[in-house]
Protein backbone atom coordinates (compact mmCIF):
# COMPACT_ATOMS: atom_id res chain seq x y z
CA MET A 1 -17.73 12.75 6.39
CA SER A 2 -17.20 11.13 3.04
CA THR A 3 -13.77 11.10 1.42
CA ARG A 4 -15.20 10.14 -1.94
CA GLY A 5 -16.74 13.51 -2.75
CA GLU A 6 -20.23 12.07 -2.28
CA ARG A 7 -22.95 12.98 0.14
CA PRO A 8 -22.51 11.60 3.67
CA GLY A 9 -24.05 8.18 4.04
CA GLU A 10 -24.00 7.48 0.30
CA ALA A 11 -22.37 4.13 -0.50
CA ALA A 12 -19.59 3.78 -3.02
CA PRO A 13 -20.61 1.90 -6.16
CA GLY A 14 -19.61 -1.66 -7.05
CA MET A 15 -16.10 -2.87 -6.51
CA ARG A 16 -15.03 0.12 -4.40
CA ALA A 17 -17.78 -0.61 -1.87
CA ALA A 18 -16.71 -4.24 -1.68
CA VAL A 19 -13.05 -3.33 -1.17
CA GLU A 20 -13.96 -0.74 1.47
CA ARG A 21 -16.10 -3.27 3.34
CA TRP A 22 -13.38 -5.93 3.13
CA SER A 23 -10.75 -3.42 4.26
CA ALA A 24 -12.60 -2.25 7.36
CA VAL A 25 -11.42 -5.03 9.68
CA PRO A 26 -7.72 -4.96 8.63
CA VAL A 27 -7.62 -1.15 8.82
CA VAL A 28 -9.08 -1.19 12.34
CA PHE A 29 -6.58 -3.89 13.32
CA LEU A 30 -3.68 -1.81 11.98
CA HIS A 31 -5.05 1.28 13.72
CA ARG A 32 -5.09 -0.52 17.08
CA LEU A 33 -1.45 -1.61 16.82
CA PRO A 34 1.16 0.53 18.56
CA ARG A 35 2.43 3.21 16.17
CA TRP A 36 5.96 1.85 16.09
CA THR A 37 4.92 -1.68 15.07
CA LEU A 38 4.05 -0.93 11.46
CA LEU A 39 7.12 1.27 11.09
CA VAL A 40 9.41 -1.52 12.34
CA VAL A 41 7.77 -4.11 10.06
CA VAL A 42 8.05 -1.93 6.95
CA PHE A 43 11.64 -0.99 7.81
CA ALA A 44 12.57 -4.66 8.31
CA LEU A 45 10.98 -5.63 4.99
CA LEU A 46 12.84 -2.85 3.19
CA VAL A 47 16.16 -3.89 4.77
CA VAL A 48 15.62 -7.53 3.79
CA GLY A 49 14.60 -6.44 0.31
CA MET A 50 17.64 -4.27 -0.20
CA ALA A 51 20.20 -6.49 1.52
CA GLY A 52 18.84 -9.84 0.36
CA THR A 53 19.01 -11.45 -3.03
CA GLY A 54 16.68 -13.27 -5.37
CA TRP A 55 13.03 -13.94 -4.76
CA VAL A 56 13.27 -13.53 -0.99
CA ALA A 57 14.32 -9.91 -1.48
CA ALA A 58 11.66 -9.44 -4.15
CA ALA A 59 8.94 -10.80 -1.86
CA ALA A 60 10.14 -8.57 0.98
CA LEU A 61 9.82 -5.53 -1.31
CA LEU A 62 6.51 -6.58 -2.84
CA ALA A 63 4.83 -6.81 0.59
CA PRO A 64 5.11 -3.04 1.27
CA ALA A 65 4.27 -2.40 -2.39
CA LEU A 66 1.01 -4.32 -1.98
CA ALA A 67 0.21 -2.41 1.22
CA LEU A 68 1.01 0.89 -0.50
CA GLY A 69 -1.22 -0.04 -3.42
CA TRP A 70 -4.04 -1.03 -1.09
CA PHE A 71 -3.83 2.21 0.91
CA ALA A 72 -3.53 4.25 -2.27
CA TYR A 73 -6.68 2.62 -3.66
CA LEU A 74 -8.60 3.35 -0.47
CA ASN A 75 -7.46 6.99 -0.37
CA TRP A 76 -7.53 7.71 -4.11
CA PRO A 77 -10.82 9.69 -4.21
CA ALA A 78 -9.67 11.99 -1.40
CA LEU A 79 -6.26 12.76 -2.93
CA ASP A 80 -5.35 15.72 -5.08
CA THR A 81 -3.33 15.30 -8.28
CA PRO A 82 0.16 15.63 -6.69
CA GLY A 83 -0.79 13.07 -4.01
CA ARG A 84 -2.00 10.64 -6.63
CA ALA A 85 1.13 11.14 -8.72
CA LEU A 86 3.41 10.61 -5.73
CA ARG A 87 1.70 7.37 -4.75
CA ALA A 88 1.70 6.08 -8.32
CA VAL A 89 5.40 6.84 -8.78
CA ALA A 90 6.33 5.31 -5.39
CA LEU A 91 4.33 2.18 -6.17
CA GLY A 92 5.88 1.88 -9.63
CA VAL A 93 9.45 2.37 -8.39
CA LEU A 94 9.02 -0.12 -5.54
CA THR A 95 7.44 -2.72 -7.84
CA VAL A 96 10.11 -2.35 -10.54
CA PHE A 97 12.86 -2.53 -7.94
CA ALA A 98 11.31 -5.70 -6.49
CA LEU A 99 11.03 -7.33 -9.91
CA LEU A 100 14.63 -6.43 -10.74
CA ARG A 101 15.78 -7.94 -7.43
CA GLY A 102 13.77 -11.06 -8.21
CA ILE A 103 15.45 -11.65 -11.57
CA GLY A 104 18.89 -10.71 -10.22
CA ARG A 105 19.40 -7.56 -12.28
CA PHE A 106 19.84 -5.19 -9.37
């Protein structure tokens, strides 16, 4: 079943197809991990990002932001408008918070 709104078996055009092909191995790897592993890693990164200072905290917050952006890009065609808006706002807030931590403003 295609999540892109296309006919089954039809390839995505251009860059999306390349990103989907590149993402296949990491997504399968993440899927095979125990469920709690990713939760613990994201929680630890958020704690370091919120409790730490400077660029270490910013990097700890940018890592989940990158993962969120990657997953949002992969799921974008299958999402409805509220889902897209929620992911865009979450990504924006996390990125701005990370940048503010990096420059020492927050």
